[in-house]
ModelCIF file with pLDDT and N, C-alpha, C, O atoms, coordinates in Angstrom:
data_MODEL
#
_entry.id   MODEL 
#
_entity.id                         1 
_entity.type                       polymer 
_entity.pdbx_number_of_molecules   1 
#
_entity_poly.entity_id                      1 
_entity_poly.type                           'polypeptide(L)' 
_entity_poly.nstd_linkage                   no 
_entity_poly.nstd_monomer                   no 
_entity_poly.pdbx_seq_one_letter_code       ALGLAHRLNHLPSQMSGGERQRCAIARAMVTKP 
_entity_poly.pdbx_seq_one_letter_code_can   ALGLAHRLNHLPSQMSGGERQRCAIARAMVTKP 
_entity_poly.pdbx_strand_id                 A 
#
loop_
_entity_poly_seq.entity_id 
_entity_poly_seq.num 
_entity_poly_seq.mon_id 
_entity_poly_seq.hetero 
1 1  ALA n 
1 2  LEU n 
1 3  GLY n 
1 4  LEU n 
1 5  ALA n 
1 6  HIS n 
1 7  ARG n 
1 8  LEU n 
1 9  ASN n 
1 10 HIS n 
1 11 LEU n 
1 12 PRO n 
1 13 SER n 
1 14 GLN n 
1 15 MET n 
1 16 SER n 
1 17 GLY n 
1 18 GLY n 
1 19 GLU n 
1 20 ARG n 
1 21 GLN n 
1 22 ARG n 
1 23 CYS n 
1 24 ALA n 
1 25 ILE n 
1 26 ALA n 
1 27 ARG n 
1 28 ALA n 
1 29 MET n 
1 30 VAL n 
1 31 THR n 
1 32 LYS n 
1 33 PRO n 
#
_struct_asym.id          A 
_struct_asym.entity_id   1 
#
loop_
_ma_qa_metric.id 
_ma_qa_metric.mode 
_ma_qa_metric.name 
_ma_qa_metric.software_group_id 
_ma_qa_metric.type 
1 global pLDDT . pLDDT 
2 local  pLDDT . pLDDT 
#
_ma_qa_metric_global.metric_id      1 
_ma_qa_metric_global.metric_value   86.79 
_ma_qa_metric_global.model_id       1 
_ma_qa_metric_global.ordinal_id     1 
#
loop_
_ma_qa_metric_local.label_asym_id 
_ma_qa_metric_local.label_comp_id 
_ma_qa_metric_local.label_seq_id 
_ma_qa_metric_local.metric_id 
_ma_qa_metric_local.metric_value 
_ma_qa_metric_local.model_id 
_ma_qa_metric_local.ordinal_id 
A ALA 1  2 81.00 1 1  
A LEU 2  2 80.00 1 2  
A GLY 3  2 82.00 1 3  
A LEU 4  2 85.00 1 4  
A ALA 5  2 88.00 1 5  
A HIS 6  2 89.00 1 6  
A ARG 7  2 87.00 1 7  
A LEU 8  2 90.00 1 8  
A ASN 9  2 92.00 1 9  
A HIS 10 2 93.00 1 10 
A LEU 11 2 92.00 1 11 
A PRO 12 2 90.00 1 12 
A SER 13 2 90.00 1 13 
A GLN 14 2 92.00 1 14 
A MET 15 2 89.00 1 15 
A SER 16 2 87.00 1 16 
A GLY 17 2 82.00 1 17 
A GLY 18 2 82.00 1 18 
A GLU 19 2 88.00 1 19 
A ARG 20 2 87.00 1 20 
A GLN 21 2 84.00 1 21 
A ARG 22 2 84.00 1 22 
A CYS 23 2 89.00 1 23 
A ALA 24 2 89.00 1 24 
A ILE 25 2 85.00 1 25 
A ALA 26 2 88.00 1 26 
A ARG 27 2 88.00 1 27 
A ALA 28 2 86.00 1 28 
A MET 29 2 83.00 1 29 
A VAL 30 2 86.00 1 30 
A THR 31 2 84.00 1 31 
A LYS 32 2 85.00 1 32 
A PRO 33 2 87.00 1 33 
#
loop_
_atom_site.group_PDB 
_atom_site.id 
_atom_site.type_symbol 
_atom_site.label_atom_id 
_atom_site.label_alt_id 
_atom_site.label_comp_id 
_atom_site.label_asym_id 
_atom_site.label_entity_id 
_atom_site.label_seq_id 
_atom_site.pdbx_PDB_ins_code 
_atom_site.Cartn_x 
_atom_site.Cartn_y 
_atom_site.Cartn_z 
_atom_site.occupancy 
_atom_site.B_iso_or_equiv 
_atom_site.pdbx_formal_charge 
_atom_site.auth_seq_id 
_atom_site.auth_comp_id 
_atom_site.auth_asym_id 
_atom_site.auth_atom_id 
_atom_site.pdbx_PDB_model_num 
ATOM 1   N N  . ALA A 1 1  ? -11.486 -11.306 14.142 1.00 81.00 ? 1  ALA A N  1 
ATOM 2   C CA . ALA A 1 1  ? -10.025 -11.099 14.117 1.00 81.00 ? 1  ALA A CA 1 
ATOM 3   C C  . ALA A 1 1  ? -9.671  -9.645  13.837 1.00 81.00 ? 1  ALA A C  1 
ATOM 4   O O  . ALA A 1 1  ? -8.579  -9.192  14.178 1.00 81.00 ? 1  ALA A O  1 
ATOM 5   N N  . LEU A 1 2  ? -10.594 -8.913  13.215 1.00 80.00 ? 2  LEU A N  1 
ATOM 6   C CA . LEU A 1 2  ? -10.369 -7.502  12.898 1.00 80.00 ? 2  LEU A CA 1 
ATOM 7   C C  . LEU A 1 2  ? -11.123 -6.570  13.849 1.00 80.00 ? 2  LEU A C  1 
ATOM 8   O O  . LEU A 1 2  ? -11.311 -5.387  13.564 1.00 80.00 ? 2  LEU A O  1 
ATOM 9   N N  . GLY A 1 3  ? -11.552 -7.131  14.986 1.00 82.00 ? 3  GLY A N  1 
ATOM 10  C CA . GLY A 1 3  ? -12.191 -6.297  16.008 1.00 82.00 ? 3  GLY A CA 1 
ATOM 11  C C  . GLY A 1 3  ? -13.592 -5.860  15.667 1.00 82.00 ? 3  GLY A C  1 
ATOM 12  O O  . GLY A 1 3  ? -14.051 -4.823  16.147 1.00 82.00 ? 3  GLY A O  1 
ATOM 13  N N  . LEU A 1 4  ? -14.297 -6.644  14.832 1.00 85.00 ? 4  LEU A N  1 
ATOM 14  C CA . LEU A 1 4  ? -15.638 -6.246  14.404 1.00 85.00 ? 4  LEU A CA 1 
ATOM 15  C C  . LEU A 1 4  ? -16.723 -7.199  14.905 1.00 85.00 ? 4  LEU A C  1 
ATOM 16  O O  . LEU A 1 4  ? -17.774 -7.337  14.279 1.00 85.00 ? 4  LEU A O  1 
ATOM 17  N N  . ALA A 1 5  ? -16.462 -7.853  16.031 1.00 88.00 ? 5  ALA A N  1 
ATOM 18  C CA . ALA A 1 5  ? -17.451 -8.788  16.587 1.00 88.00 ? 5  ALA A CA 1 
ATOM 19  C C  . ALA A 1 5  ? -18.788 -8.088  16.854 1.00 88.00 ? 5  ALA A C  1 
ATOM 20  O O  . ALA A 1 5  ? -19.842 -8.719  16.775 1.00 88.00 ? 5  ALA A O  1 
ATOM 21  N N  . HIS A 1 6  ? -18.748 -6.795  17.167 1.00 89.00 ? 6  HIS A N  1 
ATOM 22  C CA . HIS A 1 6  ? -19.962 -6.042  17.494 1.00 89.00 ? 6  HIS A CA 1 
ATOM 23  C C  . HIS A 1 6  ? -20.663 -5.488  16.253 1.00 89.00 ? 6  HIS A C  1 
ATOM 24  O O  . HIS A 1 6  ? -21.680 -4.803  16.366 1.00 89.00 ? 6  HIS A O  1 
ATOM 25  N N  . ARG A 1 7  ? -20.120 -5.784  15.070 1.00 87.00 ? 7  ARG A N  1 
ATOM 26  C CA . ARG A 1 7  ? -20.687 -5.236  13.834 1.00 87.00 ? 7  ARG A CA 1 
ATOM 27  C C  . ARG A 1 7  ? -21.180 -6.319  12.871 1.00 87.00 ? 7  ARG A C  1 
ATOM 28  O O  . ARG A 1 7  ? -21.491 -6.017  11.719 1.00 87.00 ? 7  ARG A O  1 
ATOM 29  N N  . LEU A 1 8  ? -21.256 -7.563  13.318 1.00 90.00 ? 8  LEU A N  1 
ATOM 30  C CA . LEU A 1 8  ? -21.609 -8.680  12.433 1.00 90.00 ? 8  LEU A CA 1 
ATOM 31  C C  . LEU A 1 8  ? -22.916 -8.440  11.688 1.00 90.00 ? 8  LEU A C  1 
ATOM 32  O O  . LEU A 1 8  ? -23.025 -8.765  10.506 1.00 90.00 ? 8  LEU A O  1 
ATOM 33  N N  . ASN A 1 9  ? -23.909 -7.872  12.372 1.00 92.00 ? 9  ASN A N  1 
ATOM 34  C CA . ASN A 1 9  ? -25.251 -7.733  11.802 1.00 92.00 ? 9  ASN A CA 1 
ATOM 35  C C  . ASN A 1 9  ? -25.568 -6.309  11.365 1.00 92.00 ? 9  ASN A C  1 
ATOM 36  O O  . ASN A 1 9  ? -26.732 -5.935  11.222 1.00 92.00 ? 9  ASN A O  1 
ATOM 37  N N  . HIS A 1 10 ? -24.515 -5.520  11.155 1.00 93.00 ? 10 HIS A N  1 
ATOM 38  C CA . HIS A 1 10 ? -24.709 -4.134  10.724 1.00 93.00 ? 10 HIS A CA 1 
ATOM 39  C C  . HIS A 1 10 ? -24.528 -3.998  9.210  1.00 93.00 ? 10 HIS A C  1 
ATOM 40  O O  . HIS A 1 10 ? -23.685 -4.666  8.610  1.00 93.00 ? 10 HIS A O  1 
ATOM 41  N N  . LEU A 1 11 ? -25.318 -3.140  8.616  1.00 92.00 ? 11 LEU A N  1 
ATOM 42  C CA . LEU A 1 11 ? -25.158 -2.792  7.206  1.00 92.00 ? 11 LEU A CA 1 
ATOM 43  C C  . LEU A 1 11 ? -23.964 -1.839  7.062  1.00 92.00 ? 11 LEU A C  1 
ATOM 44  O O  . LEU A 1 11 ? -23.593 -1.170  8.027  1.00 92.00 ? 11 LEU A O  1 
ATOM 45  N N  . PRO A 1 12 ? -23.358 -1.769  5.867  1.00 90.00 ? 12 PRO A N  1 
ATOM 46  C CA . PRO A 1 12 ? -22.250 -0.824  5.668  1.00 90.00 ? 12 PRO A CA 1 
ATOM 47  C C  . PRO A 1 12 ? -22.608 0.606   6.077  1.00 90.00 ? 12 PRO A C  1 
ATOM 48  O O  . PRO A 1 12 ? -21.768 1.326   6.616  1.00 90.00 ? 12 PRO A O  1 
ATOM 49  N N  . SER A 1 13 ? -23.854 1.017   5.823  1.00 90.00 ? 13 SER A N  1 
ATOM 50  C CA . SER A 1 13 ? -24.273 2.389   6.162  1.00 90.00 ? 13 SER A CA 1 
ATOM 51  C C  . SER A 1 13 ? -24.307 2.646   7.662  1.00 90.00 ? 13 SER A C  1 
ATOM 52  O O  . SER A 1 13 ? -24.368 3.793   8.105  1.00 90.00 ? 13 SER A O  1 
ATOM 53  N N  . GLN A 1 14 ? -24.268 1.567   8.437  1.00 92.00 ? 14 GLN A N  1 
ATOM 54  C CA . GLN A 1 14 ? -24.306 1.696   9.902  1.00 92.00 ? 14 GLN A CA 1 
ATOM 55  C C  . GLN A 1 14 ? -22.907 1.625   10.521 1.00 92.00 ? 14 GLN A C  1 
ATOM 56  O O  . GLN A 1 14 ? -22.765 1.630   11.744 1.00 92.00 ? 14 GLN A O  1 
ATOM 57  N N  . MET A 1 15 ? -21.884 1.561   9.679  1.00 89.00 ? 15 MET A N  1 
ATOM 58  C CA . MET A 1 15 ? -20.509 1.441   10.171 1.00 89.00 ? 15 MET A CA 1 
ATOM 59  C C  . MET A 1 15 ? -19.706 2.689   9.810  1.00 89.00 ? 15 MET A C  1 
ATOM 60  O O  . MET A 1 15 ? -20.046 3.412   8.873  1.00 89.00 ? 15 MET A O  1 
ATOM 61  N N  . SER A 1 16 ? -18.637 2.931   10.569 1.00 87.00 ? 16 SER A N  1 
ATOM 62  C CA . SER A 1 16 ? -17.732 4.051   10.265 1.00 87.00 ? 16 SER A CA 1 
ATOM 63  C C  . SER A 1 16 ? -16.868 3.687   9.057  1.00 87.00 ? 16 SER A C  1 
ATOM 64  O O  . SER A 1 16 ? -16.847 2.537   8.619  1.00 87.00 ? 16 SER A O  1 
ATOM 65  N N  . GLY A 1 17 ? -16.157 4.685   8.528  1.00 82.00 ? 17 GLY A N  1 
ATOM 66  C CA . GLY A 1 17 ? -15.270 4.434   7.389  1.00 82.00 ? 17 GLY A CA 1 
ATOM 67  C C  . GLY A 1 17 ? -14.221 3.385   7.688  1.00 82.00 ? 17 GLY A C  1 
ATOM 68  O O  . GLY A 1 17 ? -13.957 2.508   6.865  1.00 82.00 ? 17 GLY A O  1 
ATOM 69  N N  . GLY A 1 18 ? -13.622 3.475   8.867  1.00 82.00 ? 18 GLY A N  1 
ATOM 70  C CA . GLY A 1 18 ? -12.603 2.501   9.253  1.00 82.00 ? 18 GLY A CA 1 
ATOM 71  C C  . GLY A 1 18 ? -13.174 1.103   9.413  1.00 82.00 ? 18 GLY A C  1 
ATOM 72  O O  . GLY A 1 18 ? -12.537 0.115   9.046  1.00 82.00 ? 18 GLY A O  1 
ATOM 73  N N  . GLU A 1 19 ? -14.383 1.025   9.963  1.00 88.00 ? 19 GLU A N  1 
ATOM 74  C CA . GLU A 1 19 ? -15.032 -0.288  10.133 1.00 88.00 ? 19 GLU A CA 1 
ATOM 75  C C  . GLU A 1 19 ? -15.380 -0.898  8.782  1.00 88.00 ? 19 GLU A C  1 
ATOM 76  O O  . GLU A 1 19 ? -15.223 -2.103  8.583  1.00 88.00 ? 19 GLU A O  1 
ATOM 77  N N  . ARG A 1 20 ? -15.848 -0.075  7.858  1.00 87.00 ? 20 ARG A N  1 
ATOM 78  C CA . ARG A 1 20 ? -16.170 -0.582  6.519  1.00 87.00 ? 20 ARG A CA 1 
ATOM 79  C C  . ARG A 1 20 ? -14.916 -1.121  5.838  1.00 87.00 ? 20 ARG A C  1 
ATOM 80  O O  . ARG A 1 20 ? -14.956 -2.149  5.162  1.00 87.00 ? 20 ARG A O  1 
ATOM 81  N N  . GLN A 1 21 ? -13.803 -0.414  6.024  1.00 84.00 ? 21 GLN A N  1 
ATOM 82  C CA . GLN A 1 21 ? -12.567 -0.861  5.376  1.00 84.00 ? 21 GLN A CA 1 
ATOM 83  C C  . GLN A 1 21 ? -12.051 -2.145  6.022  1.00 84.00 ? 21 GLN A C  1 
ATOM 84  O O  . GLN A 1 21 ? -11.514 -3.009  5.328  1.00 84.00 ? 21 GLN A O  1 
ATOM 85  N N  . ARG A 1 22 ? -12.205 -2.280  7.329  1.00 84.00 ? 22 ARG A N  1 
ATOM 86  C CA . ARG A 1 22 ? -11.837 -3.534  8.002  1.00 84.00 ? 22 ARG A CA 1 
ATOM 87  C C  . ARG A 1 22 ? -12.711 -4.690  7.519  1.00 84.00 ? 22 ARG A C  1 
ATOM 88  O O  . ARG A 1 22 ? -12.246 -5.818  7.361  1.00 84.00 ? 22 ARG A O  1 
ATOM 89  N N  . CYS A 1 23 ? -13.959 -4.387  7.295  1.00 89.00 ? 23 CYS A N  1 
ATOM 90  C CA . CYS A 1 23 ? -14.888 -5.390  6.770  1.00 89.00 ? 23 CYS A CA 1 
ATOM 91  C C  . CYS A 1 23 ? -14.437 -5.841  5.372  1.00 89.00 ? 23 CYS A C  1 
ATOM 92  O O  . CYS A 1 23 ? -14.498 -7.027  5.044  1.00 89.00 ? 23 CYS A O  1 
ATOM 93  N N  . ALA A 1 24 ? -13.990 -4.893  4.565  1.00 89.00 ? 24 ALA A N  1 
ATOM 94  C CA . ALA A 1 24 ? -13.484 -5.219  3.228  1.00 89.00 ? 24 ALA A CA 1 
ATOM 95  C C  . ALA A 1 24 ? -12.225 -6.083  3.316  1.00 89.00 ? 24 ALA A C  1 
ATOM 96  O O  . ALA A 1 24 ? -12.024 -6.981  2.499  1.00 89.00 ? 24 ALA A O  1 
ATOM 97  N N  . ILE A 1 25 ? -11.380 -5.803  4.313  1.00 85.00 ? 25 ILE A N  1 
ATOM 98  C CA . ILE A 1 25 ? -10.174 -6.617  4.526  1.00 85.00 ? 25 ILE A CA 1 
ATOM 99  C C  . ILE A 1 25 ? -10.563 -8.031  4.947  1.00 85.00 ? 25 ILE A C  1 
ATOM 100 O O  . ILE A 1 25 ? -9.981  -9.007  4.475  1.00 85.00 ? 25 ILE A O  1 
ATOM 101 N N  . ALA A 1 26 ? -11.550 -8.136  5.839  1.00 88.00 ? 26 ALA A N  1 
ATOM 102 C CA . ALA A 1 26 ? -12.033 -9.457  6.267  1.00 88.00 ? 26 ALA A CA 1 
ATOM 103 C C  . ALA A 1 26 ? -12.545 -10.254 5.068  1.00 88.00 ? 26 ALA A C  1 
ATOM 104 O O  . ALA A 1 26 ? -12.283 -11.451 4.951  1.00 88.00 ? 26 ALA A O  1 
ATOM 105 N N  . ARG A 1 27 ? -13.272 -9.584  4.186  1.00 88.00 ? 27 ARG A N  1 
ATOM 106 C CA . ARG A 1 27 ? -13.787 -10.257 2.976  1.00 88.00 ? 27 ARG A CA 1 
ATOM 107 C C  . ARG A 1 27 ? -12.640 -10.742 2.094  1.00 88.00 ? 27 ARG A C  1 
ATOM 108 O O  . ARG A 1 27 ? -12.703 -11.838 1.536  1.00 88.00 ? 27 ARG A O  1 
ATOM 109 N N  . ALA A 1 28 ? -11.593 -9.928  1.967  1.00 86.00 ? 28 ALA A N  1 
ATOM 110 C CA . ALA A 1 28 ? -10.444 -10.325 1.147  1.00 86.00 ? 28 ALA A CA 1 
ATOM 111 C C  . ALA A 1 28 ? -9.683  -11.487 1.765  1.00 86.00 ? 28 ALA A C  1 
ATOM 112 O O  . ALA A 1 28 ? -9.116  -12.316 1.053  1.00 86.00 ? 28 ALA A O  1 
ATOM 113 N N  . MET A 1 29 ? -9.672  -11.543 3.100  1.00 83.00 ? 29 MET A N  1 
ATOM 114 C CA . MET A 1 29 ? -8.882  -12.546 3.819  1.00 83.00 ? 29 MET A CA 1 
ATOM 115 C C  . MET A 1 29 ? -9.620  -13.866 4.049  1.00 83.00 ? 29 MET A C  1 
ATOM 116 O O  . MET A 1 29 ? -8.991  -14.887 4.327  1.00 83.00 ? 29 MET A O  1 
ATOM 117 N N  . VAL A 1 30 ? -10.948 -13.850 3.934  1.00 86.00 ? 30 VAL A N  1 
ATOM 118 C CA . VAL A 1 30 ? -11.742 -14.994 4.401  1.00 86.00 ? 30 VAL A CA 1 
ATOM 119 C C  . VAL A 1 30 ? -11.444 -16.278 3.631  1.00 86.00 ? 30 VAL A C  1 
ATOM 120 O O  . VAL A 1 30 ? -11.632 -17.375 4.157  1.00 86.00 ? 30 VAL A O  1 
ATOM 121 N N  . THR A 1 31 ? -10.981 -16.148 2.394  1.00 84.00 ? 31 THR A N  1 
ATOM 122 C CA . THR A 1 31 ? -10.666 -17.339 1.598  1.00 84.00 ? 31 THR A CA 1 
ATOM 123 C C  . THR A 1 31 ? -9.236  -17.828 1.838  1.00 84.00 ? 31 THR A C  1 
ATOM 124 O O  . THR A 1 31 ? -8.787  -18.792 1.217  1.00 84.00 ? 31 THR A O  1 
ATOM 125 N N  . LYS A 1 32 ? -8.522  -17.147 2.752  1.00 85.00 ? 32 LYS A N  1 
ATOM 126 C CA . LYS A 1 32 ? -7.108  -17.451 3.015  1.00 85.00 ? 32 LYS A CA 1 
ATOM 127 C C  . LYS A 1 32 ? -6.292  -17.466 1.705  1.00 85.00 ? 32 LYS A C  1 
ATOM 128 O O  . LYS A 1 32 ? -5.686  -18.478 1.355  1.00 85.00 ? 32 LYS A O  1 
ATOM 129 N N  . PRO A 1 33 ? -6.287  -16.339 0.998  1.00 87.00 ? 33 PRO A N  1 
ATOM 130 C CA . PRO A 1 33 ? -5.606  -16.278 -0.298 1.00 87.00 ? 33 PRO A CA 1 
ATOM 131 C C  . PRO A 1 33 ? -4.087  -16.316 -0.141 1.00 87.00 ? 33 PRO A C  1 
ATOM 132 O O  . PRO A 1 33 ? -3.363  -16.274 -1.135 1.00 87.00 ? 33 PRO A O  1 
#
């Protein structure tokens, strides 16, 4: 949903700053808070 389908199996060190932050947003959203 955050456009990171191509980054599922990447470590944070393998992602750009924006991708890491989107990943953090996905983590915050995954529980549907």
